[in-house]
Amino acid sequence: MSNEPDPERLKALEDKLAKLRKQAPGETDKPPRGGVAQSELAWRMVIELVSGLGIGFGVGYGLDVLLGTLPIFMIIFVLLGLIAGVRVMMRTAAEINAKPDAAPAADEEGK
């Protein structure tokens, strides 16, 4: 028995791998929505909301420390940060929903 692989078995293995690598036109490994996975979009929205809250908390707490009115500005700016975060999330959601609708229209114009 030699240490060299059998050329026929290697050819058969290469053929099997080539068949498995080929996919039907509808089956792709690409993530949906123009290359961005759904989990990435969800994390983006969470980060937008949390960053709005964090910035609002920081500004409100800073003003409270400077002015000596501890809870008032912190509460106001946290609520403003929440509102801003939700608005940015809604804008992102509208942007995401608009992209798939625009793509088929562009494909039809090119035909």
PDB file of N, CA and C in Angstrom:
ATOM      1  N   MET A   1       0.844  -1.169   0.000  1.00  0.00           N
ATOM      2  CA  MET A   1       0.000   0.000   0.000  1.00  0.00           C
ATOM      3  C   MET A   1       0.892   1.237   0.000  1.00  0.00           C
ATOM      4  N   SER A   2       0.635   2.175  -0.896  1.00  0.00           N
ATOM      5  CA  SER A   2       1.462   3.370  -1.006  1.00  0.00           C
ATOM      6  C   SER A   2       0.785   4.550  -0.305  1.00  0.00           C
ATOM      7  N   ASN A   3       1.569   5.595  -0.095  1.00  0.00           N
ATOM      8  CA  ASN A   3       1.060   6.791   0.579  1.00  0.00           C
ATOM      9  C   ASN A   3       0.395   7.764  -0.383  1.00  0.00           C
ATOM     10  N   GLU A   4       0.445   7.488  -1.688  1.00  0.00           N
ATOM     11  CA  GLU A   4      -0.156   8.376  -2.668  1.00  0.00           C
ATOM     12  C   GLU A   4      -1.663   8.137  -2.737  1.00  0.00           C
ATOM     13  N   PRO A   5      -2.458   9.232  -2.838  1.00  0.00           N
ATOM     14  CA  PRO A   5      -3.906   9.062  -2.936  1.00  0.00           C
ATOM     15  C   PRO A   5      -4.319   8.546  -4.311  1.00  0.00           C
ATOM     16  N   ASP A   6      -5.436   7.887  -4.341  1.00  0.00           N
ATOM     17  CA  ASP A   6      -5.982   7.338  -5.578  1.00  0.00           C
ATOM     18  C   ASP A   6      -6.550   8.476  -6.437  1.00  0.00           C
ATOM     19  N   PRO A   7      -6.046   8.653  -7.668  1.00  0.00           N
ATOM     20  CA  PRO A   7      -6.515   9.766  -8.505  1.00  0.00           C
ATOM     21  C   PRO A   7      -8.005   9.680  -8.829  1.00  0.00           C
ATOM     22  N   GLU A   8      -8.530   8.488  -8.976  1.00  0.00           N
ATOM     23  CA  GLU A   8      -9.951   8.337  -9.290  1.00  0.00           C
ATOM     24  C   GLU A   8     -10.818   8.785  -8.126  1.00  0.00           C
ATOM     25  N   ARG A   9     -10.415   8.452  -6.906  1.00  0.00           N
ATOM     26  CA  ARG A   9     -11.175   8.854  -5.729  1.00  0.00           C
ATOM     27  C   ARG A   9     -11.096  10.374  -5.536  1.00  0.00           C
ATOM     28  N   LEU A  10      -9.929  10.954  -5.818  1.00  0.00           N
ATOM     29  CA  LEU A  10      -9.798  12.396  -5.705  1.00  0.00           C
ATOM     30  C   LEU A  10     -10.697  13.111  -6.718  1.00  0.00           C
ATOM     31  N   LYS A  11     -10.738  12.582  -7.942  1.00  0.00           N
ATOM     32  CA  LYS A  11     -11.588  13.169  -8.972  1.00  0.00           C
ATOM     33  C   LYS A  11     -13.059  13.069  -8.578  1.00  0.00           C
ATOM     34  N   ALA A  12     -13.451  11.936  -8.019  1.00  0.00           N
ATOM     35  CA  ALA A  12     -14.844  11.761  -7.591  1.00  0.00           C
ATOM     36  C   ALA A  12     -15.181  12.729  -6.454  1.00  0.00           C
ATOM     37  N   LEU A  13     -14.255  12.914  -5.530  1.00  0.00           N
ATOM     38  CA  LEU A  13     -14.465  13.845  -4.432  1.00  0.00           C
ATOM     39  C   LEU A  13     -14.565  15.280  -4.937  1.00  0.00           C
ATOM     40  N   GLU A  14     -13.716  15.658  -5.867  1.00  0.00           N
ATOM     41  CA  GLU A  14     -13.776  16.999  -6.438  1.00  0.00           C
ATOM     42  C   GLU A  14     -15.099  17.234  -7.162  1.00  0.00           C
ATOM     43  N   ASP A  15     -15.600  16.225  -7.875  1.00  0.00           N
ATOM     44  CA  ASP A  15     -16.886  16.350  -8.555  1.00  0.00           C
ATOM     45  C   ASP A  15     -18.025  16.540  -7.558  1.00  0.00           C
ATOM     46  N   LYS A  16     -18.000  15.779  -6.473  1.00  0.00           N
ATOM     47  CA  LYS A  16     -19.040  15.917  -5.443  1.00  0.00           C
ATOM     48  C   LYS A  16     -19.001  17.313  -4.812  1.00  0.00           C
ATOM     49  N   LEU A  17     -17.806  17.791  -4.523  1.00  0.00           N
ATOM     50  CA  LEU A  17     -17.677  19.120  -3.931  1.00  0.00           C
ATOM     51  C   LEU A  17     -18.155  20.208  -4.894  1.00  0.00           C
ATOM     52  N   ALA A  18     -17.845  20.043  -6.168  1.00  0.00           N
ATOM     53  CA  ALA A  18     -18.282  21.025  -7.160  1.00  0.00           C
ATOM     54  C   ALA A  18     -19.807  21.064  -7.245  1.00  0.00           C
ATOM     55  N   LYS A  19     -20.453  19.882  -7.180  1.00  0.00           N
ATOM     56  CA  LYS A  19     -21.913  19.831  -7.217  1.00  0.00           C
ATOM     57  C   LYS A  19     -22.511  20.492  -5.979  1.00  0.00           C
ATOM     58  N   LEU A  20     -21.909  20.252  -4.828  1.00  0.00           N
ATOM     59  CA  LEU A  20     -22.436  20.837  -3.591  1.00  0.00           C
ATOM     60  C   LEU A  20     -22.240  22.351  -3.543  1.00  0.00           C
ATOM     61  N   ARG A  21     -21.186  22.834  -4.152  1.00  0.00           N
ATOM     62  CA  ARG A  21     -20.924  24.275  -4.140  1.00  0.00           C
ATOM     63  C   ARG A  21     -21.859  25.044  -5.053  1.00  0.00           C
ATOM     64  N   LYS A  22     -22.327  24.377  -6.103  1.00  0.00           N
ATOM     65  CA  LYS A  22     -23.263  25.026  -7.008  1.00  0.00           C
ATOM     66  C   LYS A  22     -24.614  25.113  -6.314  1.00  0.00           C
ATOM     67  N   GLN A  23     -25.233  26.295  -6.429  1.00  0.00           N
ATOM     68  CA  GLN A  23     -26.540  26.486  -5.809  1.00  0.00           C
ATOM     69  C   GLN A  23     -27.531  26.935  -6.854  1.00  0.00           C
ATOM     70  N   ALA A  24     -28.789  26.726  -6.528  1.00  0.00           N
ATOM     71  CA  ALA A  24     -29.842  27.206  -7.418  1.00  0.00           C
ATOM     72  C   ALA A  24     -29.828  28.732  -7.390  1.00  0.00           C
ATOM     73  N   PRO A  25     -30.353  29.396  -8.435  1.00  0.00           N
ATOM     74  CA  PRO A  25     -30.308  30.862  -8.490  1.00  0.00           C
ATOM     75  C   PRO A  25     -30.970  31.541  -7.298  1.00  0.00           C
ATOM     76  N   GLY A  26     -32.022  30.958  -6.738  1.00  0.00           N
ATOM     77  CA  GLY A  26     -32.719  31.568  -5.602  1.00  0.00           C
ATOM     78  C   GLY A  26     -32.025  31.343  -4.275  1.00  0.00           C
ATOM     79  N   GLU A  27     -31.116  30.412  -4.203  1.00  0.00           N
ATOM     80  CA  GLU A  27     -30.458  30.072  -2.950  1.00  0.00           C
ATOM     81  C   GLU A  27     -29.077  30.714  -2.904  1.00  0.00           C
ATOM     82  N   THR A  28     -28.951  31.760  -2.133  1.00  0.00           N
ATOM     83  CA  THR A  28     -27.658  32.416  -1.996  1.00  0.00           C
ATOM     84  C   THR A  28     -27.269  32.473  -0.534  1.00  0.00           C
ATOM     85  N   ASP A  29     -25.991  32.629  -0.280  1.00  0.00           N
ATOM     86  CA  ASP A  29     -25.511  32.742   1.089  1.00  0.00           C
ATOM     87  C   ASP A  29     -25.494  34.192   1.567  1.00  0.00           C
ATOM     88  N   LYS A  30     -25.870  35.113   0.703  1.00  0.00           N
ATOM     89  CA  LYS A  30     -25.830  36.513   1.077  1.00  0.00           C
ATOM     90  C   LYS A  30     -26.915  36.819   2.104  1.00  0.00           C
ATOM     91  N   PRO A  31     -26.619  37.696   3.051  1.00  0.00           N
ATOM     92  CA  PRO A  31     -27.659  38.104   3.984  1.00  0.00           C
ATOM     93  C   PRO A  31     -28.722  38.939   3.267  1.00  0.00           C
ATOM     94  N   PRO A  32     -29.933  38.983   3.797  1.00  0.00           N
ATOM     95  CA  PRO A  32     -30.997  39.739   3.145  1.00  0.00           C
ATOM     96  C   PRO A  32     -30.768  41.241   3.219  1.00  0.00           C
ATOM     97  N   ARG A  33     -31.514  41.962   2.419  1.00  0.00           N
ATOM     98  CA  ARG A  33     -31.549  43.430   2.420  1.00  0.00           C
ATOM     99  C   ARG A  33     -30.214  44.065   2.090  1.00  0.00           C
ATOM    100  N   GLY A  34     -29.685  43.749   0.951  1.00  0.00           N
ATOM    101  CA  GLY A  34     -28.510  44.439   0.463  1.00  0.00           C
ATOM    102  C   GLY A  34     -27.243  44.160   1.239  1.00  0.00           C
ATOM    103  N   GLY A  35     -27.100  42.985   1.786  1.00  0.00           N
ATOM    104  CA  GLY A  35     -25.858  42.618   2.446  1.00  0.00           C
ATOM    105  C   GLY A  35     -25.851  42.853   3.945  1.00  0.00           C
ATOM    106  N   VAL A  36     -26.945  43.293   4.527  1.00  0.00           N
ATOM    107  CA  VAL A  36     -26.982  43.536   5.964  1.00  0.00           C
ATOM    108  C   VAL A  36     -27.921  42.512   6.593  1.00  0.00           C
ATOM    109  N   ALA A  37     -27.415  41.758   7.532  1.00  0.00           N
ATOM    110  CA  ALA A  37     -28.222  40.732   8.188  1.00  0.00           C
ATOM    111  C   ALA A  37     -29.235  41.383   9.123  1.00  0.00           C
ATOM    112  N   GLN A  38     -30.317  40.680   9.392  1.00  0.00           N
ATOM    113  CA  GLN A  38     -31.365  41.200  10.263  1.00  0.00           C
ATOM    114  C   GLN A  38     -30.854  41.473  11.672  1.00  0.00           C
ATOM    115  N   SER A  39     -29.952  40.640  12.153  1.00  0.00           N
ATOM    116  CA  SER A  39     -29.434  40.856  13.509  1.00  0.00           C
ATOM    117  C   SER A  39     -28.616  42.142  13.584  1.00  0.00           C
ATOM    118  N   GLU A  40     -27.899  42.477  12.502  1.00  0.00           N
ATOM    119  CA  GLU A  40     -27.141  43.721  12.485  1.00  0.00           C
ATOM    120  C   GLU A  40     -28.077  44.924  12.518  1.00  0.00           C
ATOM    121  N   LEU A  41     -29.190  44.832  11.823  1.00  0.00           N
ATOM    122  CA  LEU A  41     -30.160  45.918  11.842  1.00  0.00           C
ATOM    123  C   LEU A  41     -30.785  46.067  13.224  1.00  0.00           C
ATOM    124  N   ALA A  42     -31.073  44.948  13.862  1.00  0.00           N
ATOM    125  CA  ALA A  42     -31.655  44.998  15.207  1.00  0.00           C
ATOM    126  C   ALA A  42     -30.674  45.622  16.195  1.00  0.00           C
ATOM    127  N   TRP A  43     -29.411  45.231  16.126  1.00  0.00           N
ATOM    128  CA  TRP A  43     -28.410  45.821  17.017  1.00  0.00           C
ATOM    129  C   TRP A  43     -28.234  47.303  16.750  1.00  0.00           C
ATOM    130  N   ARG A  44     -28.307  47.693  15.496  1.00  0.00           N
ATOM    131  CA  ARG A  44     -28.187  49.117  15.166  1.00  0.00           C
ATOM    132  C   ARG A  44     -29.296  49.910  15.852  1.00  0.00           C
ATOM    133  N   MET A  45     -30.521  49.383  15.803  1.00  0.00           N
ATOM    134  CA  MET A  45     -31.644  50.083  16.424  1.00  0.00           C
ATOM    135  C   MET A  45     -31.514  50.132  17.941  1.00  0.00           C
ATOM    136  N   VAL A  46     -31.053  49.057  18.546  1.00  0.00           N
ATOM    137  CA  VAL A  46     -30.855  49.045  19.998  1.00  0.00           C
ATOM    138  C   VAL A  46     -29.793  50.060  20.392  1.00  0.00           C
ATOM    139  N   ILE A  47     -28.712  50.109  19.653  1.00  0.00           N
ATOM    140  CA  ILE A  47     -27.629  51.054  19.959  1.00  0.00           C
ATOM    141  C   ILE A  47     -28.113  52.492  19.799  1.00  0.00           C
ATOM    142  N   GLU A  48     -28.941  52.753  18.785  1.00  0.00           N
ATOM    143  CA  GLU A  48     -29.479  54.103  18.615  1.00  0.00           C
ATOM    144  C   GLU A  48     -30.325  54.518  19.811  1.00  0.00           C
ATOM    145  N   LEU A  49     -31.145  53.610  20.311  1.00  0.00           N
ATOM    146  CA  LEU A  49     -31.994  53.933  21.460  1.00  0.00           C
ATOM    147  C   LEU A  49     -31.164  54.146  22.715  1.00  0.00           C
ATOM    148  N   VAL A  50     -30.236  53.243  22.974  1.00  0.00           N
ATOM    149  CA  VAL A  50     -29.419  53.332  24.185  1.00  0.00           C
ATOM    150  C   VAL A  50     -28.503  54.554  24.142  1.00  0.00           C
ATOM    151  N   SER A  51     -27.988  54.884  22.972  1.00  0.00           N
ATOM    152  CA  SER A  51     -27.123  56.067  22.894  1.00  0.00           C
ATOM    153  C   SER A  51     -27.924  57.339  23.141  1.00  0.00           C
ATOM    154  N   GLY A  52     -29.153  57.411  22.669  1.00  0.00           N
ATOM    155  CA  GLY A  52     -30.006  58.568  22.963  1.00  0.00           C
ATOM    156  C   GLY A  52     -30.253  58.710  24.451  1.00  0.00           C
ATOM    157  N   LEU A  53     -30.534  57.588  25.115  1.00  0.00           N
ATOM    158  CA  LEU A  53     -30.735  57.611  26.562  1.00  0.00           C
ATOM    159  C   LEU A  53     -29.463  58.011  27.296  1.00  0.00           C
ATOM    160  N   GLY A  54     -28.346  57.470  26.860  1.00  0.00           N
ATOM    161  CA  GLY A  54     -27.072  57.769  27.524  1.00  0.00           C
ATOM    162  C   GLY A  54     -26.667  59.225  27.380  1.00  0.00           C
ATOM    163  N   ILE A  55     -26.834  59.773  26.198  1.00  0.00           N
ATOM    164  CA  ILE A  55     -26.492  61.184  25.989  1.00  0.00           C
ATOM    165  C   ILE A  55     -27.427  62.078  26.799  1.00  0.00           C
ATOM    166  N   GLY A  56     -28.715  61.747  26.806  1.00  0.00           N
ATOM    167  CA  GLY A  56     -29.666  62.526  27.608  1.00  0.00           C
ATOM    168  C   GLY A  56     -29.336  62.469  29.091  1.00  0.00           C
ATOM    169  N   PHE A  57     -28.975  61.289  29.574  1.00  0.00           N
ATOM    170  CA  PHE A  57     -28.597  61.149  30.985  1.00  0.00           C
ATOM    171  C   PHE A  57     -27.348  61.972  31.283  1.00  0.00           C
ATOM    172  N   GLY A  58     -26.360  61.891  30.412  1.00  0.00           N
ATOM    173  CA  GLY A  58     -25.107  62.623  30.643  1.00  0.00           C
ATOM    174  C   GLY A  58     -25.312  64.132  30.675  1.00  0.00           C
ATOM    175  N   VAL A  59     -26.073  64.652  29.731  1.00  0.00           N
ATOM    176  CA  VAL A  59     -26.317  66.093  29.683  1.00  0.00           C
ATOM    177  C   VAL A  59     -27.135  66.523  30.899  1.00  0.00           C
ATOM    178  N   GLY A  60     -28.190  65.773  31.207  1.00  0.00           N
ATOM    179  CA  GLY A  60     -29.042  66.131  32.352  1.00  0.00           C
ATOM    180  C   GLY A  60     -28.299  66.062  33.665  1.00  0.00           C
ATOM    181  N   TYR A  61     -27.522  65.025  33.871  1.00  0.00           N
ATOM    182  CA  TYR A  61     -26.768  64.887  35.115  1.00  0.00           C
ATOM    183  C   TYR A  61     -25.710  65.988  35.227  1.00  0.00           C
ATOM    184  N   GLY A  62     -25.057  66.296  34.114  1.00  0.00           N
ATOM    185  CA  GLY A  62     -24.060  67.361  34.120  1.00  0.00           C
ATOM    186  C   GLY A  62     -24.664  68.706  34.487  1.00  0.00           C
ATOM    187  N   LEU A  63     -25.826  69.015  33.909  1.00  0.00           N
ATOM    188  CA  LEU A  63     -26.492  70.268  34.256  1.00  0.00           C
ATOM    189  C   LEU A  63     -26.939  70.277  35.716  1.00  0.00           C
ATOM    190  N   ASP A  64     -27.427  69.149  36.192  1.00  0.00           N
ATOM    191  CA  ASP A  64     -27.855  69.073  37.594  1.00  0.00           C
ATOM    192  C   ASP A  64     -26.685  69.277  38.544  1.00  0.00           C
ATOM    193  N   VAL A  65     -25.546  68.714  38.235  1.00  0.00           N
ATOM    194  CA  VAL A  65     -24.375  68.880  39.106  1.00  0.00           C
ATOM    195  C   VAL A  65     -23.917  70.335  39.085  1.00  0.00           C
ATOM    196  N   LEU A  66     -23.910  70.939  37.900  1.00  0.00           N
ATOM    197  CA  LEU A  66     -23.472  72.332  37.793  1.00  0.00           C
ATOM    198  C   LEU A  66     -24.430  73.296  38.499  1.00  0.00           C
ATOM    199  N   LEU A  67     -25.722  73.031  38.378  1.00  0.00           N
ATOM    200  CA  LEU A  67     -26.717  73.941  38.934  1.00  0.00           C
ATOM    201  C   LEU A  67     -27.216  73.533  40.313  1.00  0.00           C
ATOM    202  N   GLY A  68     -26.887  72.350  40.775  1.00  0.00           N
ATOM    203  CA  GLY A  68     -27.307  71.884  42.098  1.00  0.00           C
ATOM    204  C   GLY A  68     -28.767  71.478  42.174  1.00  0.00           C
ATOM    205  N   THR A  69     -29.341  71.061  41.067  1.00  0.00           N
ATOM    206  CA  THR A  69     -30.757  70.650  41.024  1.00  0.00           C
ATOM    207  C   THR A  69     -30.850  69.195  40.589  1.00  0.00           C
ATOM    208  N   LEU A  70     -30.294  68.298  41.392  1.00  0.00           N
ATOM    209  CA  LEU A  70     -29.992  66.934  40.940  1.00  0.00           C
ATOM    210  C   LEU A  70     -31.054  66.206  40.119  1.00  0.00           C
ATOM    211  N   PRO A  71     -32.274  65.975  40.518  1.00  0.00           N
ATOM    212  CA  PRO A  71     -33.073  65.082  39.671  1.00  0.00           C
ATOM    213  C   PRO A  71     -33.800  65.746  38.501  1.00  0.00           C
ATOM    214  N   ILE A  72     -33.957  67.051  38.507  1.00  0.00           N
ATOM    215  CA  ILE A  72     -34.864  67.693  37.548  1.00  0.00           C
ATOM    216  C   ILE A  72     -34.354  67.579  36.106  1.00  0.00           C
ATOM    217  N   PHE A  73     -33.173  68.131  35.834  1.00  0.00           N
ATOM    218  CA  PHE A  73     -32.668  68.117  34.457  1.00  0.00           C
ATOM    219  C   PHE A  73     -32.331  66.705  33.992  1.00  0.00           C
ATOM    220  N   MET A  74     -31.926  65.847  34.912  1.00  0.00           N
ATOM    221  CA  MET A  74     -31.615  64.470  34.534  1.00  0.00           C
ATOM    222  C   MET A  74     -32.868  63.774  34.005  1.00  0.00           C
ATOM    223  N   ILE A  75     -33.981  63.939  34.680  1.00  0.00           N
ATOM    224  CA  ILE A  75     -35.232  63.314  34.241  1.00  0.00           C
ATOM    225  C   ILE A  75     -35.680  63.901  32.903  1.00  0.00           C
ATOM    226  N   ILE A  76     -35.597  65.215  32.788  1.00  0.00           N
ATOM    227  CA  ILE A  76     -36.036  65.872  31.546  1.00  0.00           C
ATOM    228  C   ILE A  76     -35.194  65.404  30.361  1.00  0.00           C
ATOM    229  N   PHE A  77     -33.868  65.382  30.535  1.00  0.00           N
ATOM    230  CA  PHE A  77     -33.010  65.031  29.410  1.00  0.00           C
ATOM    231  C   PHE A  77     -33.010  63.532  29.107  1.00  0.00           C
ATOM    232  N   VAL A  78     -33.270  62.695  30.108  1.00  0.00           N
ATOM    233  CA  VAL A  78     -33.426  61.260  29.823  1.00  0.00           C
ATOM    234  C   VAL A  78     -34.671  61.046  28.968  1.00  0.00           C
ATOM    235  N   LEU A  79     -35.751  61.741  29.299  1.00  0.00           N
ATOM    236  CA  LEU A  79     -36.970  61.622  28.486  1.00  0.00           C
ATOM    237  C   LEU A  79     -36.741  62.176  27.073  1.00  0.00           C
ATOM    238  N   LEU A  80     -36.038  63.296  26.974  1.00  0.00           N
ATOM    239  CA  LEU A  80     -35.718  63.831  25.645  1.00  0.00           C
ATOM    240  C   LEU A  80     -34.814  62.878  24.867  1.00  0.00           C
ATOM    241  N   GLY A  81     -33.877  62.248  25.541  1.00  0.00           N
ATOM    242  CA  GLY A  81     -33.017  61.260  24.892  1.00  0.00           C
ATOM    243  C   GLY A  81     -33.794  60.052  24.419  1.00  0.00           C
ATOM    244  N   LEU A  82     -34.777  59.626  25.222  1.00  0.00           N
ATOM    245  CA  LEU A  82     -35.635  58.512  24.822  1.00  0.00           C
ATOM    246  C   LEU A  82     -36.428  58.873  23.569  1.00  0.00           C
ATOM    247  N   ILE A  83     -36.984  60.062  23.559  1.00  0.00           N
ATOM    248  CA  ILE A  83     -37.747  60.506  22.392  1.00  0.00           C
ATOM    249  C   ILE A  83     -36.848  60.581  21.157  1.00  0.00           C
ATOM    250  N   ALA A  84     -35.657  61.139  21.330  1.00  0.00           N
ATOM    251  CA  ALA A  84     -34.727  61.239  20.201  1.00  0.00           C
ATOM    252  C   ALA A  84     -34.315  59.851  19.713  1.00  0.00           C
ATOM    253  N   GLY A  85     -34.045  58.923  20.631  1.00  0.00           N
ATOM    254  CA  GLY A  85     -33.664  57.566  20.246  1.00  0.00           C
ATOM    255  C   GLY A  85     -34.761  56.854  19.484  1.00  0.00           C
ATOM    256  N   VAL A  86     -36.009  57.029  19.929  1.00  0.00           N
ATOM    257  CA  VAL A  86     -37.136  56.396  19.242  1.00  0.00           C
ATOM    258  C   VAL A  86     -37.312  57.011  17.852  1.00  0.00           C
ATOM    259  N   ARG A  87     -37.138  58.324  17.731  1.00  0.00           N
ATOM    260  CA  ARG A  87     -37.256  58.966  16.415  1.00  0.00           C
ATOM    261  C   ARG A  87     -36.190  58.451  15.452  1.00  0.00           C
ATOM    262  N   VAL A  88     -34.980  58.293  15.935  1.00  0.00           N
ATOM    263  CA  VAL A  88     -33.905  57.787  15.076  1.00  0.00           C
ATOM    264  C   VAL A  88     -34.182  56.332  14.692  1.00  0.00           C
ATOM    265  N   MET A  89     -34.701  55.552  15.635  1.00  0.00           N
ATOM    266  CA  MET A  89     -35.064  54.163  15.327  1.00  0.00           C
ATOM    267  C   MET A  89     -36.145  54.106  14.255  1.00  0.00           C
ATOM    268  N   MET A  90     -37.149  54.966  14.364  1.00  0.00           N
ATOM    269  CA  MET A  90     -38.227  54.974  13.380  1.00  0.00           C
ATOM    270  C   MET A  90     -37.717  55.402  12.007  1.00  0.00           C
ATOM    271  N   ARG A  91     -36.798  56.353  11.982  1.00  0.00           N
ATOM    272  CA  ARG A  91     -36.206  56.781  10.713  1.00  0.00           C
ATOM    273  C   ARG A  91     -35.403  55.645  10.086  1.00  0.00           C
ATOM    274  N   THR A  92     -34.675  54.900  10.922  1.00  0.00           N
ATOM    275  CA  THR A  92     -33.910  53.756  10.421  1.00  0.00           C
ATOM    276  C   THR A  92     -34.848  52.680   9.872  1.00  0.00           C
ATOM    277  N   ALA A  93     -35.943  52.426  10.589  1.00  0.00           N
ATOM    278  CA  ALA A  93     -36.906  51.419  10.129  1.00  0.00           C
ATOM    279  C   ALA A  93     -37.520  51.829   8.793  1.00  0.00           C
ATOM    280  N   ALA A  94     -37.834  53.111   8.638  1.00  0.00           N
ATOM    281  CA  ALA A  94     -38.384  53.580   7.363  1.00  0.00           C
ATOM    282  C   ALA A  94     -37.353  53.456   6.244  1.00  0.00           C
ATOM    283  N   GLU A  95     -36.101  53.735   6.557  1.00  0.00           N
ATOM    284  CA  GLU A  95     -35.023  53.611   5.575  1.00  0.00           C
ATOM    285  C   GLU A  95     -34.849  52.155   5.146  1.00  0.00           C
ATOM    286  N   ILE A  96     -34.918  51.250   6.092  1.00  0.00           N
ATOM    287  CA  ILE A  96     -34.761  49.822   5.798  1.00  0.00           C
ATOM    288  C   ILE A  96     -35.926  49.325   4.954  1.00  0.00           C
ATOM    289  N   ASN A  97     -37.135  49.770   5.279  1.00  0.00           N
ATOM    290  CA  ASN A  97     -38.306  49.341   4.510  1.00  0.00           C
ATOM    291  C   ASN A  97     -38.321  49.937   3.115  1.00  0.00           C
ATOM    292  N   ALA A  98     -37.720  51.087   2.923  1.00  0.00           N
ATOM    293  CA  ALA A  98     -37.716  51.727   1.606  1.00  0.00           C
ATOM    294  C   ALA A  98     -36.720  51.071   0.664  1.00  0.00           C
ATOM    295  N   LYS A  99     -35.631  50.521   1.168  1.00  0.00           N
ATOM    296  CA  LYS A  99     -34.598  49.934   0.307  1.00  0.00           C
ATOM    297  C   LYS A  99     -35.101  48.749  -0.507  1.00  0.00           C
ATOM    298  N   PRO A 100     -35.796  47.744   0.068  1.00  0.00           N
ATOM    299  CA  PRO A 100     -36.242  46.614  -0.761  1.00  0.00           C
ATOM    300  C   PRO A 100     -37.264  47.031  -1.814  1.00  0.00           C
ATOM    301  N   ASP A 101     -38.078  48.042  -1.534  1.00  0.00           N
ATOM    302  CA  ASP A 101     -39.063  48.480  -2.513  1.00  0.00           C
ATOM    303  C   ASP A 101     -38.393  49.156  -3.698  1.00  0.00           C
ATOM    304  N   ALA A 102     -37.300  49.845  -3.455  1.00  0.00           N
ATOM    305  CA  ALA A 102     -36.613  50.555  -4.533  1.00  0.00           C
ATOM    306  C   ALA A 102     -35.816  49.603  -5.416  1.00  0.00           C
ATOM    307  N   ALA A 103     -35.340  48.498  -4.871  1.00  0.00           N
ATOM    308  CA  ALA A 103     -34.505  47.575  -5.634  1.00  0.00           C
ATOM    309  C   ALA A 103     -35.257  46.915  -6.796  1.00  0.00           C
ATOM    310  N   PRO A 104     -36.483  46.386  -6.619  1.00  0.00           N
ATOM    311  CA  PRO A 104     -37.173  45.789  -7.772  1.00  0.00           C
ATOM    312  C   PRO A 104     -37.507  46.816  -8.848  1.00  0.00           C
ATOM    313  N   ALA A 105     -37.790  48.048  -8.449  1.00  0.00           N
ATOM    314  CA  ALA A 105     -38.095  49.076  -9.435  1.00  0.00           C
ATOM    315  C   ALA A 105     -36.866  49.369 -10.291  1.00  0.00           C
ATOM    316  N   ALA A 106     -35.706  49.388  -9.671  1.00  0.00           N
ATOM    317  CA  ALA A 106     -34.468  49.624 -10.411  1.00  0.00           C
ATOM    318  C   ALA A 106     -34.174  48.466 -11.365  1.00  0.00           C
ATOM    319  N   ASP A 107     -34.501  47.234 -10.943  1.00  0.00           N
ATOM    320  CA  ASP A 107     -34.294  46.082 -11.818  1.00  0.00           C
ATOM    321  C   ASP A 107     -35.204  46.149 -13.044  1.00  0.00           C
ATOM    322  N   GLU A 108     -36.436  46.599 -12.867  1.00  0.00           N
ATOM    323  CA  GLU A 108     -37.375  46.672 -13.982  1.00  0.00           C
ATOM    324  C   GLU A 108     -36.958  47.750 -14.974  1.00  0.00           C
ATOM    325  N   GLU A 109     -36.379  48.866 -14.467  1.00  0.00           N
ATOM    326  CA  GLU A 109     -35.959  49.932 -15.359  1.00  0.00           C
ATOM    327  C   GLU A 109     -34.788  49.497 -16.228  1.00  0.00           C
ATOM    328  N   GLY A 110     -33.935  48.626 -15.706  1.00  0.00           N
ATOM    329  CA  GLY A 110     -32.758  48.175 -16.442  1.00  0.00           C
ATOM    330  C   GLY A 110     -33.093  47.206 -17.548  1.00  0.00           C
ATOM    331  N   LYS A 111     -34.284  46.604 -17.539  1.00  0.00           N
ATOM    332  CA  LYS A 111     -34.645  45.596 -18.555  1.00  0.00           C
ATOM    333  C   LYS A 111     -35.058  46.215 -19.844  1.00  0.00           C
TER     334      LYS A 111
END
